[in-house]
PDB file of all heavy atoms in Angstrom:
ATOM      1  N   TRP A   1      21.809   0.215 -17.788  1.00  0.00           N
ATOM      2  CA  TRP A   1      20.698   0.755 -17.004  1.00  0.00           C
ATOM      3  C   TRP A   1      19.536  -0.208 -16.816  1.00  0.00           C
ATOM      4  O   TRP A   1      18.674   0.002 -15.966  1.00  0.00           O
ATOM      5  CB  TRP A   1      20.176   2.079 -17.584  1.00  0.00           C
ATOM      6  CG  TRP A   1      19.908   2.156 -19.044  1.00  0.00           C
ATOM      7  CD1 TRP A   1      20.682   2.739 -20.001  1.00  0.00           C
ATOM      8  CD2 TRP A   1      18.741   1.671 -19.757  1.00  0.00           C
ATOM      9  NE1 TRP A   1      20.094   2.649 -21.249  1.00  0.00           N
ATOM     10  CE2 TRP A   1      18.895   1.999 -21.119  1.00  0.00           C
ATOM     11  CE3 TRP A   1      17.589   0.997 -19.358  1.00  0.00           C
ATOM     12  CZ2 TRP A   1      17.948   1.679 -22.093  1.00  0.00           C
ATOM     13  CZ3 TRP A   1      16.634   0.662 -20.316  1.00  0.00           C
ATOM     14  CH2 TRP A   1      16.825   1.001 -21.664  1.00  0.00           C
ATOM     15  N   GLN A   2      19.502  -1.300 -17.577  1.00  0.00           N
ATOM     16  CA  GLN A   2      18.396  -2.253 -17.450  1.00  0.00           C
ATOM     17  C   GLN A   2      18.270  -2.850 -16.044  1.00  0.00           C
ATOM     18  O   GLN A   2      17.144  -3.039 -15.544  1.00  0.00           O
ATOM     19  CB  GLN A   2      18.544  -3.367 -18.477  1.00  0.00           C
ATOM     20  CG  GLN A   2      17.301  -4.255 -18.597  1.00  0.00           C
ATOM     21  CD  GLN A   2      16.072  -3.487 -19.066  1.00  0.00           C
ATOM     22  OE1 GLN A   2      16.158  -2.748 -20.051  1.00  0.00           O
ATOM     23  NE2 GLN A   2      14.956  -3.638 -18.376  1.00  0.00           N
ATOM     24  N   PRO A   3      19.373  -3.168 -15.352  1.00  0.00           N
ATOM     25  CA  PRO A   3      19.230  -3.687 -13.982  1.00  0.00           C
ATOM     26  C   PRO A   3      18.496  -2.725 -13.041  1.00  0.00           C
ATOM     27  O   PRO A   3      17.724  -3.167 -12.189  1.00  0.00           O
ATOM     28  CB  PRO A   3      20.672  -3.905 -13.527  1.00  0.00           C
ATOM     29  CG  PRO A   3      21.419  -4.154 -14.796  1.00  0.00           C
ATOM     30  CD  PRO A   3      20.781  -3.242 -15.802  1.00  0.00           C
ATOM     31  N   TYR A   4      18.713  -1.429 -13.214  1.00  0.00           N
ATOM     32  CA  TYR A   4      18.004  -0.452 -12.393  1.00  0.00           C
ATOM     33  C   TYR A   4      16.500  -0.476 -12.719  1.00  0.00           C
ATOM     34  O   TYR A   4      15.659  -0.419 -11.817  1.00  0.00           O
ATOM     35  CB  TYR A   4      18.552   0.958 -12.636  1.00  0.00           C
ATOM     36  CG  TYR A   4      19.994   1.138 -12.237  1.00  0.00           C
ATOM     37  CD1 TYR A   4      20.970   1.411 -13.187  1.00  0.00           C
ATOM     38  CD2 TYR A   4      20.389   1.038 -10.906  1.00  0.00           C
ATOM     39  CE1 TYR A   4      22.297   1.587 -12.834  1.00  0.00           C
ATOM     40  CE2 TYR A   4      21.721   1.215 -10.541  1.00  0.00           C
ATOM     41  CZ  TYR A   4      22.668   1.485 -11.508  1.00  0.00           C
ATOM     42  OH  TYR A   4      23.983   1.647 -11.147  1.00  0.00           O
ATOM     43  N   VAL A   5      16.197  -0.567 -13.990  1.00  0.00           N
ATOM     44  CA  VAL A   5      14.796  -0.604 -14.427  1.00  0.00           C
ATOM     45  C   VAL A   5      14.106  -1.853 -13.890  1.00  0.00           C
ATOM     46  O   VAL A   5      12.984  -1.785 -13.364  1.00  0.00           O
ATOM     47  CB  VAL A   5      14.718  -0.558 -15.971  1.00  0.00           C
ATOM     48  CG1 VAL A   5      13.291  -0.810 -16.448  1.00  0.00           C
ATOM     49  CG2 VAL A   5      15.211   0.795 -16.487  1.00  0.00           C
ATOM     50  N   ASP A   6      14.763  -3.000 -14.006  1.00  0.00           N
ATOM     51  CA  ASP A   6      14.182  -4.245 -13.504  1.00  0.00           C
ATOM     52  C   ASP A   6      13.943  -4.172 -12.002  1.00  0.00           C
ATOM     53  O   ASP A   6      12.914  -4.643 -11.495  1.00  0.00           O
ATOM     54  CB  ASP A   6      15.114  -5.427 -13.823  1.00  0.00           C
ATOM     55  CG  ASP A   6      15.208  -5.704 -15.316  1.00  0.00           C
ATOM     56  OD1 ASP A   6      14.320  -5.242 -16.072  1.00  0.00           O
ATOM     57  OD2 ASP A   6      16.173  -6.383 -15.726  1.00  0.00           O
ATOM     58  N   SER A   7      14.883  -3.584 -11.283  1.00  0.00           N
ATOM     59  CA  SER A   7      14.746  -3.436  -9.834  1.00  0.00           C
ATOM     60  C   SER A   7      13.547  -2.567  -9.479  1.00  0.00           C
ATOM     61  O   SER A   7      12.801  -2.859  -8.541  1.00  0.00           O
ATOM     62  CB  SER A   7      16.024  -2.828  -9.252  1.00  0.00           C
ATOM     63  OG  SER A   7      15.887  -2.581  -7.864  1.00  0.00           O
ATOM     64  N   MET A   8      13.345  -1.506 -10.237  1.00  0.00           N
ATOM     65  CA  MET A   8      12.212  -0.601  -9.993  1.00  0.00           C
ATOM     66  C   MET A   8      10.888  -1.313 -10.225  1.00  0.00           C
ATOM     67  O   MET A   8       9.956  -1.200  -9.413  1.00  0.00           O
ATOM     68  CB  MET A   8      12.330   0.621 -10.901  1.00  0.00           C
ATOM     69  CG  MET A   8      13.491   1.529 -10.582  1.00  0.00           C
ATOM     70  SD  MET A   8      13.157   2.645  -9.207  1.00  0.00           S
ATOM     71  CE  MET A   8      12.280   3.950 -10.060  1.00  0.00           C
ATOM     72  N   HIS A   9      10.775  -2.057 -11.314  1.00  0.00           N
ATOM     73  CA  HIS A   9       9.533  -2.781 -11.597  1.00  0.00           C
ATOM     74  C   HIS A   9       9.251  -3.823 -10.511  1.00  0.00           C
ATOM     75  O   HIS A   9       8.100  -3.998 -10.092  1.00  0.00           O
ATOM     76  CB  HIS A   9       9.614  -3.456 -12.968  1.00  0.00           C
ATOM     77  CG  HIS A   9       9.325  -2.543 -14.116  1.00  0.00           C
ATOM     78  ND1 HIS A   9       8.077  -1.962 -14.300  1.00  0.00           N
ATOM     79  CD2 HIS A   9      10.114  -2.099 -15.132  1.00  0.00           C
ATOM     80  CE1 HIS A   9       8.109  -1.201 -15.392  1.00  0.00           C
ATOM     81  NE2 HIS A   9       9.326  -1.268 -15.910  1.00  0.00           N
ATOM     82  N   HIS A  10      10.284  -4.506 -10.073  1.00  0.00           N
ATOM     83  CA  HIS A  10      10.115  -5.518  -9.023  1.00  0.00           C
ATOM     84  C   HIS A  10       9.635  -4.871  -7.727  1.00  0.00           C
ATOM     85  O   HIS A  10       8.708  -5.365  -7.069  1.00  0.00           O
ATOM     86  CB  HIS A  10      11.433  -6.250  -8.795  1.00  0.00           C
ATOM     87  CG  HIS A  10      11.375  -7.276  -7.694  1.00  0.00           C
ATOM     88  ND1 HIS A  10      10.740  -8.489  -7.850  1.00  0.00           N
ATOM     89  CD2 HIS A  10      11.850  -7.245  -6.414  1.00  0.00           C
ATOM     90  CE1 HIS A  10      10.832  -9.172  -6.727  1.00  0.00           C
ATOM     91  NE2 HIS A  10      11.498  -8.442  -5.840  1.00  0.00           N
ATOM     92  N   PHE A  11      10.244  -3.756  -7.365  1.00  0.00           N
ATOM     93  CA  PHE A  11       9.872  -3.077  -6.129  1.00  0.00           C
ATOM     94  C   PHE A  11       8.444  -2.544  -6.189  1.00  0.00           C
ATOM     95  O   PHE A  11       7.699  -2.605  -5.199  1.00  0.00           O
ATOM     96  CB  PHE A  11      10.848  -1.929  -5.855  1.00  0.00           C
ATOM     97  CG  PHE A  11      10.506  -1.112  -4.646  1.00  0.00           C
ATOM     98  CD1 PHE A  11      10.695  -1.610  -3.371  1.00  0.00           C
ATOM     99  CD2 PHE A  11       9.967   0.163  -4.785  1.00  0.00           C
ATOM    100  CE1 PHE A  11      10.375  -0.861  -2.248  1.00  0.00           C
ATOM    101  CE2 PHE A  11       9.639   0.921  -3.674  1.00  0.00           C
ATOM    102  CZ  PHE A  11       9.850   0.404  -2.404  1.00  0.00           C
ATOM    103  N   LEU A  12       8.035  -2.023  -7.338  1.00  0.00           N
ATOM    104  CA  LEU A  12       6.722  -1.393  -7.459  1.00  0.00           C
ATOM    105  C   LEU A  12       5.583  -2.375  -7.741  1.00  0.00           C
ATOM    106  O   LEU A  12       4.425  -1.957  -7.815  1.00  0.00           O
ATOM    107  CB  LEU A  12       6.753  -0.331  -8.561  1.00  0.00           C
ATOM    108  CG  LEU A  12       7.506   0.962  -8.220  1.00  0.00           C
ATOM    109  CD1 LEU A  12       7.599   1.863  -9.441  1.00  0.00           C
ATOM    110  CD2 LEU A  12       6.829   1.696  -7.064  1.00  0.00           C
ATOM    111  N   ALA A  13       5.906  -3.660  -7.865  1.00  0.00           N
ATOM    112  CA  ALA A  13       4.853  -4.647  -8.141  1.00  0.00           C
ATOM    113  C   ALA A  13       3.769  -4.608  -7.071  1.00  0.00           C
ATOM    114  O   ALA A  13       2.573  -4.739  -7.371  1.00  0.00           O
ATOM    115  CB  ALA A  13       5.461  -6.045  -8.237  1.00  0.00           C
ATOM    116  N   ALA A  14       4.156  -4.416  -5.818  1.00  0.00           N
ATOM    117  CA  ALA A  14       3.186  -4.365  -4.719  1.00  0.00           C
ATOM    118  C   ALA A  14       2.334  -3.103  -4.763  1.00  0.00           C
ATOM    119  O   ALA A  14       1.303  -3.017  -4.085  1.00  0.00           O
ATOM    120  CB  ALA A  14       3.905  -4.451  -3.373  1.00  0.00           C
ATOM    121  N   TYR A  15       2.757  -2.116  -5.569  1.00  0.00           N
ATOM    122  CA  TYR A  15       2.041  -0.852  -5.680  1.00  0.00           C
ATOM    123  C   TYR A  15       1.149  -0.789  -6.923  1.00  0.00           C
ATOM    124  O   TYR A  15       0.539   0.251  -7.180  1.00  0.00           O
ATOM    125  CB  TYR A  15       3.028   0.313  -5.714  1.00  0.00           C
ATOM    126  CG  TYR A  15       3.777   0.529  -4.411  1.00  0.00           C
ATOM    127  CD1 TYR A  15       4.938  -0.174  -4.127  1.00  0.00           C
ATOM    128  CD2 TYR A  15       3.318   1.446  -3.476  1.00  0.00           C
ATOM    129  CE1 TYR A  15       5.624   0.028  -2.943  1.00  0.00           C
ATOM    130  CE2 TYR A  15       4.010   1.669  -2.285  1.00  0.00           C
ATOM    131  CZ  TYR A  15       5.152   0.946  -2.032  1.00  0.00           C
ATOM    132  OH  TYR A  15       5.836   1.155  -0.853  1.00  0.00           O
ATOM    133  N   ASP A  16       1.101  -1.873  -7.691  1.00  0.00           N
ATOM    134  CA  ASP A  16       0.231  -1.879  -8.873  1.00  0.00           C
ATOM    135  C   ASP A  16      -1.181  -1.461  -8.488  1.00  0.00           C
ATOM    136  O   ASP A  16      -1.691  -1.876  -7.447  1.00  0.00           O
ATOM    137  CB  ASP A  16       0.198  -3.273  -9.504  1.00  0.00           C
ATOM    138  CG  ASP A  16       1.461  -3.576 -10.293  1.00  0.00           C
ATOM    139  OD1 ASP A  16       2.218  -2.638 -10.586  1.00  0.00           O
ATOM    140  OD2 ASP A  16       1.679  -4.762 -10.617  1.00  0.00           O
ATOM    141  N   ASP A  17      -1.799  -0.662  -9.326  1.00  0.00           N
ATOM    142  CA  ASP A  17      -3.115  -0.110  -8.993  1.00  0.00           C
ATOM    143  C   ASP A  17      -4.121  -1.204  -8.640  1.00  0.00           C
ATOM    144  O   ASP A  17      -4.869  -1.091  -7.660  1.00  0.00           O
ATOM    145  CB  ASP A  17      -3.635   0.730 -10.159  1.00  0.00           C
ATOM    146  CG  ASP A  17      -2.888   2.049 -10.284  1.00  0.00           C
ATOM    147  OD1 ASP A  17      -1.768   2.162  -9.739  1.00  0.00           O
ATOM    148  OD2 ASP A  17      -3.414   2.979 -10.916  1.00  0.00           O
ATOM    149  N   LYS A  18      -4.155  -2.280  -9.428  1.00  0.00           N
ATOM    150  CA  LYS A  18      -5.120  -3.353  -9.172  1.00  0.00           C
ATOM    151  C   LYS A  18      -4.855  -4.040  -7.838  1.00  0.00           C
ATOM    152  O   LYS A  18      -5.781  -4.395  -7.107  1.00  0.00           O
ATOM    153  CB  LYS A  18      -5.090  -4.370 -10.313  1.00  0.00           C
ATOM    154  CG  LYS A  18      -5.695  -3.850 -11.611  1.00  0.00           C
ATOM    155  CD  LYS A  18      -5.742  -4.936 -12.673  1.00  0.00           C
ATOM    156  CE  LYS A  18      -6.396  -4.425 -13.943  1.00  0.00           C
ATOM    157  NZ  LYS A  18      -6.441  -5.482 -15.006  1.00  0.00           N
ATOM    158  N   VAL A  19      -3.577  -4.229  -7.515  1.00  0.00           N
ATOM    159  CA  VAL A  19      -3.214  -4.860  -6.241  1.00  0.00           C
ATOM    160  C   VAL A  19      -3.672  -3.998  -5.079  1.00  0.00           C
ATOM    161  O   VAL A  19      -4.247  -4.481  -4.092  1.00  0.00           O
ATOM    162  CB  VAL A  19      -1.693  -5.093  -6.168  1.00  0.00           C
ATOM    163  CG1 VAL A  19      -1.291  -5.595  -4.781  1.00  0.00           C
ATOM    164  CG2 VAL A  19      -1.251  -6.080  -7.232  1.00  0.00           C
ATOM    165  N   GLN A  20      -3.429  -2.697  -5.180  1.00  0.00           N
ATOM    166  CA  GLN A  20      -3.827  -1.778  -4.115  1.00  0.00           C
ATOM    167  C   GLN A  20      -5.346  -1.710  -3.966  1.00  0.00           C
ATOM    168  O   GLN A  20      -5.874  -1.659  -2.854  1.00  0.00           O
ATOM    169  CB  GLN A  20      -3.259  -0.388  -4.381  1.00  0.00           C
ATOM    170  CG  GLN A  20      -1.752  -0.288  -4.188  1.00  0.00           C
ATOM    171  CD  GLN A  20      -1.341  -0.453  -2.737  1.00  0.00           C
ATOM    172  OE1 GLN A  20      -1.886   0.187  -1.848  1.00  0.00           O
ATOM    173  NE2 GLN A  20      -0.388  -1.332  -2.487  1.00  0.00           N
ATOM    174  N   GLU A  21      -6.060  -1.713  -5.084  1.00  0.00           N
ATOM    175  CA  GLU A  21      -7.524  -1.647  -5.032  1.00  0.00           C
ATOM    176  C   GLU A  21      -8.114  -2.901  -4.396  1.00  0.00           C
ATOM    177  O   GLU A  21      -9.139  -2.837  -3.717  1.00  0.00           O
ATOM    178  CB  GLU A  21      -8.086  -1.447  -6.441  1.00  0.00           C
ATOM    179  CG  GLU A  21      -7.804  -0.072  -7.020  1.00  0.00           C
ATOM    180  CD  GLU A  21      -8.136   0.019  -8.499  1.00  0.00           C
ATOM    181  OE1 GLU A  21      -8.551  -1.009  -9.064  1.00  0.00           O
ATOM    182  OE2 GLU A  21      -7.959   1.103  -9.088  1.00  0.00           O
ATOM    183  N   GLU A  22      -7.469  -4.042  -4.604  1.00  0.00           N
ATOM    184  CA  GLU A  22      -7.968  -5.293  -4.050  1.00  0.00           C
ATOM    185  C   GLU A  22      -7.682  -5.422  -2.552  1.00  0.00           C
ATOM    186  O   GLU A  22      -8.508  -5.945  -1.796  1.00  0.00           O
ATOM    187  CB  GLU A  22      -7.332  -6.479  -4.788  1.00  0.00           C
ATOM    188  CG  GLU A  22      -7.813  -6.644  -6.222  1.00  0.00           C
ATOM    189  CD  GLU A  22      -7.056  -7.732  -6.953  1.00  0.00           C
ATOM    190  OE1 GLU A  22      -6.137  -8.343  -6.335  1.00  0.00           O
ATOM    191  OE2 GLU A  22      -7.351  -7.978  -8.137  1.00  0.00           O
ATOM    192  N   LYS A  23      -6.523  -4.942  -2.123  1.00  0.00           N
ATOM    193  CA  LYS A  23      -6.089  -5.186  -0.749  1.00  0.00           C
ATOM    194  C   LYS A  23      -6.352  -4.028   0.206  1.00  0.00           C
ATOM    195  O   LYS A  23      -6.575  -4.254   1.400  1.00  0.00           O
ATOM    196  CB  LYS A  23      -4.587  -5.508  -0.729  1.00  0.00           C
ATOM    197  CG  LYS A  23      -4.226  -6.832  -1.379  1.00  0.00           C
ATOM    198  CD  LYS A  23      -2.745  -7.127  -1.198  1.00  0.00           C
ATOM    199  CE  LYS A  23      -2.383  -8.510  -1.734  1.00  0.00           C
ATOM    200  NZ  LYS A  23      -0.954  -8.827  -1.527  1.00  0.00           N
ATOM    201  N   ASN A  24      -6.327  -2.812  -0.308  1.00  0.00           N
ATOM    202  CA  ASN A  24      -6.379  -1.650   0.578  1.00  0.00           C
ATOM    203  C   ASN A  24      -7.565  -0.735   0.263  1.00  0.00           C
ATOM    204  O   ASN A  24      -8.264  -0.919  -0.721  1.00  0.00           O
ATOM    205  CB  ASN A  24      -5.059  -0.875   0.498  1.00  0.00           C
ATOM    206  CG  ASN A  24      -3.887  -1.710   0.999  1.00  0.00           C
ATOM    207  OD1 ASN A  24      -4.058  -2.581   1.848  1.00  0.00           O
ATOM    208  ND2 ASN A  24      -2.704  -1.463   0.472  1.00  0.00           N
ATOM    209  N   ILE A  25      -7.761   0.254   1.112  1.00  0.00           N
ATOM    210  CA  ILE A  25      -8.931   1.120   1.016  1.00  0.00           C
ATOM    211  C   ILE A  25      -8.536   2.541   0.625  1.00  0.00           C
ATOM    212  O   ILE A  25      -7.381   2.949   0.781  1.00  0.00           O
ATOM    213  CB  ILE A  25      -9.717   1.151   2.345  1.00  0.00           C
ATOM    214  CG1 ILE A  25      -8.860   1.796   3.448  1.00  0.00           C
ATOM    215  CG2 ILE A  25     -10.142  -0.252   2.754  1.00  0.00           C
ATOM    216  CD1 ILE A  25      -9.627   2.065   4.726  1.00  0.00           C
ATOM    217  N   GLU A  26      -9.492   3.288   0.118  1.00  0.00           N
ATOM    218  CA  GLU A  26      -9.281   4.711  -0.150  1.00  0.00           C
ATOM    219  C   GLU A  26      -9.433   5.474   1.158  1.00  0.00           C
ATOM    220  O   GLU A  26     -10.380   5.260   1.905  1.00  0.00           O
ATOM    221  CB  GLU A  26     -10.280   5.212  -1.183  1.00  0.00           C
ATOM    222  CG  GLU A  26     -10.081   4.637  -2.569  1.00  0.00           C
ATOM    223  CD  GLU A  26     -10.987   5.292  -3.592  1.00  0.00           C
ATOM    224  OE1 GLU A  26     -11.533   6.376  -3.283  1.00  0.00           O
ATOM    225  OE2 GLU A  26     -11.159   4.732  -4.678  1.00  0.00           O
ATOM    226  N   CYS A  27      -8.505   6.368   1.416  1.00  0.00           N
ATOM    227  CA  CYS A  27      -8.513   7.118   2.679  1.00  0.00           C
ATOM    228  C   CYS A  27      -8.680   8.608   2.409  1.00  0.00           C
ATOM    229  O   CYS A  27      -8.593   9.063   1.268  1.00  0.00           O
ATOM    230  CB  CYS A  27      -7.218   6.864   3.448  1.00  0.00           C
ATOM    231  SG  CYS A  27      -6.981   5.142   3.947  1.00  0.00           S
ATOM    232  N   VAL A  28      -8.918   9.339   3.474  1.00  0.00           N
ATOM    233  CA  VAL A  28      -9.091  10.793   3.386  1.00  0.00           C
ATOM    234  C   VAL A  28      -7.718  11.448   3.424  1.00  0.00           C
ATOM    235  O   VAL A  28      -6.975  11.311   4.404  1.00  0.00           O
ATOM    236  CB  VAL A  28      -9.964  11.318   4.531  1.00  0.00           C
ATOM    237  CG1 VAL A  28     -10.106  12.832   4.442  1.00  0.00           C
ATOM    238  CG2 VAL A  28     -11.336  10.649   4.500  1.00  0.00           C
ATOM    239  N   SER A  29      -7.368  12.142   2.360  1.00  0.00           N
ATOM    240  CA  SER A  29      -6.068  12.788   2.266  1.00  0.00           C
ATOM    241  C   SER A  29      -5.946  13.938   3.267  1.00  0.00           C
ATOM    242  O   SER A  29      -6.936  14.606   3.590  1.00  0.00           O
ATOM    243  CB  SER A  29      -5.850  13.311   0.847  1.00  0.00           C
ATOM    244  OG  SER A  29      -4.611  13.973   0.730  1.00  0.00           O
ATOM    245  N   GLY A  30      -4.741  14.158   3.762  1.00  0.00           N
ATOM    246  CA  GLY A  30      -4.470  15.320   4.595  1.00  0.00           C
ATOM    247  C   GLY A  30      -4.705  15.132   6.077  1.00  0.00           C
ATOM    248  O   GLY A  30      -4.569  16.093   6.841  1.00  0.00           O
ATOM    249  N   GLN A  31      -5.032  13.917   6.508  1.00  0.00           N
ATOM    250  CA  GLN A  31      -5.212  13.684   7.937  1.00  0.00           C
ATOM    251  C   GLN A  31      -4.757  12.277   8.303  1.00  0.00           C
ATOM    252  O   GLN A  31      -4.796  11.365   7.494  1.00  0.00           O
ATOM    253  CB  GLN A  31      -6.676  13.886   8.351  1.00  0.00           C
ATOM    254  CG  GLN A  31      -7.646  12.898   7.713  1.00  0.00           C
ATOM    255  CD  GLN A  31      -9.099  13.188   8.067  1.00  0.00           C
ATOM    256  OE1 GLN A  31      -9.542  14.337   8.004  1.00  0.00           O
ATOM    257  NE2 GLN A  31      -9.836  12.156   8.443  1.00  0.00           N
ATOM    258  N   TYR A  32      -4.276  12.141   9.528  1.00  0.00           N
ATOM    259  CA  TYR A  32      -3.810  10.843   9.981  1.00  0.00           C
ATOM    260  C   TYR A  32      -4.958   9.831   9.989  1.00  0.00           C
ATOM    261  O   TYR A  32      -6.106  10.175  10.265  1.00  0.00           O
ATOM    262  CB  TYR A  32      -3.232  10.933  11.395  1.00  0.00           C
ATOM    263  CG  TYR A  32      -2.005  11.805  11.526  1.00  0.00           C
ATOM    264  CD1 TYR A  32      -2.003  12.924  12.359  1.00  0.00           C
ATOM    265  CD2 TYR A  32      -0.835  11.513  10.832  1.00  0.00           C
ATOM    266  CE1 TYR A  32      -0.876  13.718  12.497  1.00  0.00           C
ATOM    267  CE2 TYR A  32       0.299  12.315  10.960  1.00  0.00           C
ATOM    268  CZ  TYR A  32       0.269  13.405  11.793  1.00  0.00           C
ATOM    269  OH  TYR A  32       1.382  14.195  11.925  1.00  0.00           O
ATOM    270  N   PHE A  33      -4.627   8.583   9.679  1.00  0.00           N
ATOM    271  CA  PHE A  33      -5.616   7.505   9.688  1.00  0.00           C
ATOM    272  C   PHE A  33      -5.432   6.725  10.992  1.00  0.00           C
ATOM    273  O   PHE A  33      -4.707   5.731  11.046  1.00  0.00           O
ATOM    274  CB  PHE A  33      -5.421   6.608   8.467  1.00  0.00           C
ATOM    275  CG  PHE A  33      -6.449   5.510   8.339  1.00  0.00           C
ATOM    276  CD1 PHE A  33      -7.728   5.660   8.858  1.00  0.00           C
ATOM    277  CD2 PHE A  33      -6.140   4.337   7.694  1.00  0.00           C
ATOM    278  CE1 PHE A  33      -8.672   4.662   8.739  1.00  0.00           C
ATOM    279  CE2 PHE A  33      -7.076   3.313   7.560  1.00  0.00           C
ATOM    280  CZ  PHE A  33      -8.351   3.481   8.089  1.00  0.00           C
ATOM    281  N   ILE A  34      -6.094   7.204  12.015  1.00  0.00           N
ATOM    282  CA  ILE A  34      -5.965   6.608  13.348  1.00  0.00           C
ATOM    283  C   ILE A  34      -7.045   5.554  13.530  1.00  0.00           C
ATOM    284  O   ILE A  34      -8.231   5.824  13.340  1.00  0.00           O
ATOM    285  CB  ILE A  34      -6.063   7.693  14.441  1.00  0.00           C
ATOM    286  CG1 ILE A  34      -4.927   8.714  14.247  1.00  0.00           C
ATOM    287  CG2 ILE A  34      -5.993   7.059  15.829  1.00  0.00           C
ATOM    288  CD1 ILE A  34      -5.016   9.914  15.154  1.00  0.00           C
ATOM    289  N   GLN A  35      -6.625   4.346  13.901  1.00  0.00           N
ATOM    290  CA  GLN A  35      -7.545   3.221  14.041  1.00  0.00           C
ATOM    291  C   GLN A  35      -7.549   2.732  15.488  1.00  0.00           C
ATOM    292  O   GLN A  35      -6.508   2.408  16.043  1.00  0.00           O
ATOM    293  CB  GLN A  35      -7.130   2.082  13.096  1.00  0.00           C
ATOM    294  CG  GLN A  35      -7.060   2.535  11.639  1.00  0.00           C
ATOM    295  CD  GLN A  35      -6.618   1.426  10.711  1.00  0.00           C
ATOM    296  OE1 GLN A  35      -7.286   0.399  10.578  1.00  0.00           O
ATOM    297  NE2 GLN A  35      -5.499   1.632  10.038  1.00  0.00           N
ATOM    298  N   GLY A  36      -8.743   2.693  16.051  1.00  0.00           N
ATOM    299  CA  GLY A  36      -8.884   2.257  17.422  1.00  0.00           C
ATOM    300  C   GLY A  36      -9.066   0.751  17.517  1.00  0.00           C
ATOM    301  O   GLY A  36      -8.672  -0.005  16.631  1.00  0.00           O
ATOM    302  N   GLY A  37      -9.714   0.322  18.586  1.00  0.00           N
ATOM    303  CA  GLY A  37      -9.971  -1.097  18.783  1.00  0.00           C
ATOM    304  C   GLY A  37      -8.820  -1.800  19.473  1.00  0.00           C
ATOM    305  O   GLY A  37      -7.812  -1.188  19.847  1.00  0.00           O
ATOM    306  N   ASN A  38      -8.949  -3.094  19.632  1.00  0.00           N
ATOM    307  CA  ASN A  38      -7.921  -3.903  20.265  1.00  0.00           C
ATOM    308  C   ASN A  38      -6.656  -3.904  19.420  1.00  0.00           C
ATOM    309  O   ASN A  38      -6.720  -3.954  18.201  1.00  0.00           O
ATOM    310  CB  ASN A  38      -8.451  -5.330  20.452  1.00  0.00           C
ATOM    311  CG  ASN A  38      -7.559  -6.158  21.359  1.00  0.00           C
ATOM    312  OD1 ASN A  38      -6.421  -6.466  21.004  1.00  0.00           O
ATOM    313  ND2 ASN A  38      -8.067  -6.511  22.524  1.00  0.00           N
ATOM    314  N   GLU A  39      -5.504  -3.859  20.094  1.00  0.00           N
ATOM    315  CA  GLU A  39      -4.250  -3.786  19.343  1.00  0.00           C
ATOM    316  C   GLU A  39      -3.981  -5.036  18.513  1.00  0.00           C
ATOM    317  O   GLU A  39      -3.168  -5.016  17.599  1.00  0.00           O
ATOM    318  CB  GLU A  39      -3.075  -3.534  20.284  1.00  0.00           C
ATOM    319  CG  GLU A  39      -2.774  -4.663  21.248  1.00  0.00           C
ATOM    320  CD  GLU A  39      -1.527  -4.396  22.087  1.00  0.00           C
ATOM    321  OE1 GLU A  39      -0.885  -3.344  21.865  1.00  0.00           O
ATOM    322  OE2 GLU A  39      -1.206  -5.220  22.952  1.00  0.00           O
ATOM    323  N   SER A  40      -4.689  -6.120  18.797  1.00  0.00           N
ATOM    324  CA  SER A  40      -4.491  -7.356  18.041  1.00  0.00           C
ATOM    325  C   SER A  40      -5.360  -7.421  16.789  1.00  0.00           C
ATOM    326  O   SER A  40      -5.201  -8.316  15.970  1.00  0.00           O
ATOM    327  CB  SER A  40      -4.793  -8.571  18.927  1.00  0.00           C
ATOM    328  OG  SER A  40      -6.160  -8.583  19.311  1.00  0.00           O
ATOM    329  N   GLU A  41      -6.288  -6.464  16.639  1.00  0.00           N
ATOM    330  CA  GLU A  41      -7.160  -6.458  15.466  1.00  0.00           C
ATOM    331  C   GLU A  41      -6.386  -6.033  14.222  1.00  0.00           C
ATOM    332  O   GLU A  41      -5.538  -5.158  14.271  1.00  0.00           O
ATOM    333  CB  GLU A  41      -8.331  -5.494  15.683  1.00  0.00           C
ATOM    334  CG  GLU A  41      -9.303  -5.923  16.772  1.00  0.00           C
ATOM    335  CD  GLU A  41     -10.426  -4.912  16.954  1.00  0.00           C
ATOM    336  OE1 GLU A  41     -10.485  -3.954  16.157  1.00  0.00           O
ATOM    337  OE2 GLU A  41     -11.223  -5.080  17.882  1.00  0.00           O
ATOM    338  N   GLU A  42      -6.706  -6.682  13.106  1.00  0.00           N
ATOM    339  CA  GLU A  42      -6.047  -6.333  11.851  1.00  0.00           C
ATOM    340  C   GLU A  42      -6.426  -4.916  11.447  1.00  0.00           C
ATOM    341  O   GLU A  42      -7.587  -4.530  11.475  1.00  0.00           O
ATOM    342  CB  GLU A  42      -6.436  -7.322  10.755  1.00  0.00           C
ATOM    343  CG  GLU A  42      -5.719  -7.071   9.435  1.00  0.00           C
ATOM    344  CD  GLU A  42      -6.002  -8.132   8.389  1.00  0.00           C
ATOM    345  OE1 GLU A  42      -5.992  -9.328   8.759  1.00  0.00           O
ATOM    346  OE2 GLU A  42      -6.242  -7.767   7.221  1.00  0.00           O
ATOM    347  N   LYS A  43      -5.422  -4.137  11.065  1.00  0.00           N
ATOM    348  CA  LYS A  43      -5.630  -2.743  10.691  1.00  0.00           C
ATOM    349  C   LYS A  43      -5.777  -2.616   9.170  1.00  0.00           C
ATOM    350  O   LYS A  43      -5.176  -3.368   8.402  1.00  0.00           O
ATOM    351  CB  LYS A  43      -4.461  -1.882  11.159  1.00  0.00           C
ATOM    352  CG  LYS A  43      -4.132  -2.031  12.640  1.00  0.00           C
ATOM    353  CD  LYS A  43      -5.299  -1.663  13.535  1.00  0.00           C
ATOM    354  CE  LYS A  43      -4.904  -1.797  15.001  1.00  0.00           C
ATOM    355  NZ  LYS A  43      -6.047  -1.543  15.912  1.00  0.00           N
ATOM    356  N   LYS A  44      -6.567  -1.657   8.755  1.00  0.00           N
ATOM    357  CA  LYS A  44      -6.727  -1.380   7.333  1.00  0.00           C
ATOM    358  C   LYS A  44      -5.563  -0.510   6.854  1.00  0.00           C
ATOM    359  O   LYS A  44      -4.974   0.246   7.620  1.00  0.00           O
ATOM    360  CB  LYS A  44      -8.054  -0.679   7.076  1.00  0.00           C
ATOM    361  CG  LYS A  44      -9.270  -1.528   7.450  1.00  0.00           C
ATOM    362  CD  LYS A  44     -10.566  -0.766   7.234  1.00  0.00           C
ATOM    363  CE  LYS A  44     -11.774  -1.612   7.619  1.00  0.00           C
ATOM    364  NZ  LYS A  44     -13.046  -0.874   7.437  1.00  0.00           N
TER     365      LYS A  44
END
């Protein structure tokens, strides 16, 4: 079962709380996050 565990940790590395706090924002739960502006603008 260790290979499954290792795979899970590898996949979830991008979801680490610190990584998410550094790169992404807190959003309002329960509603779509619709972002306007030019389609070439980087989205949050």
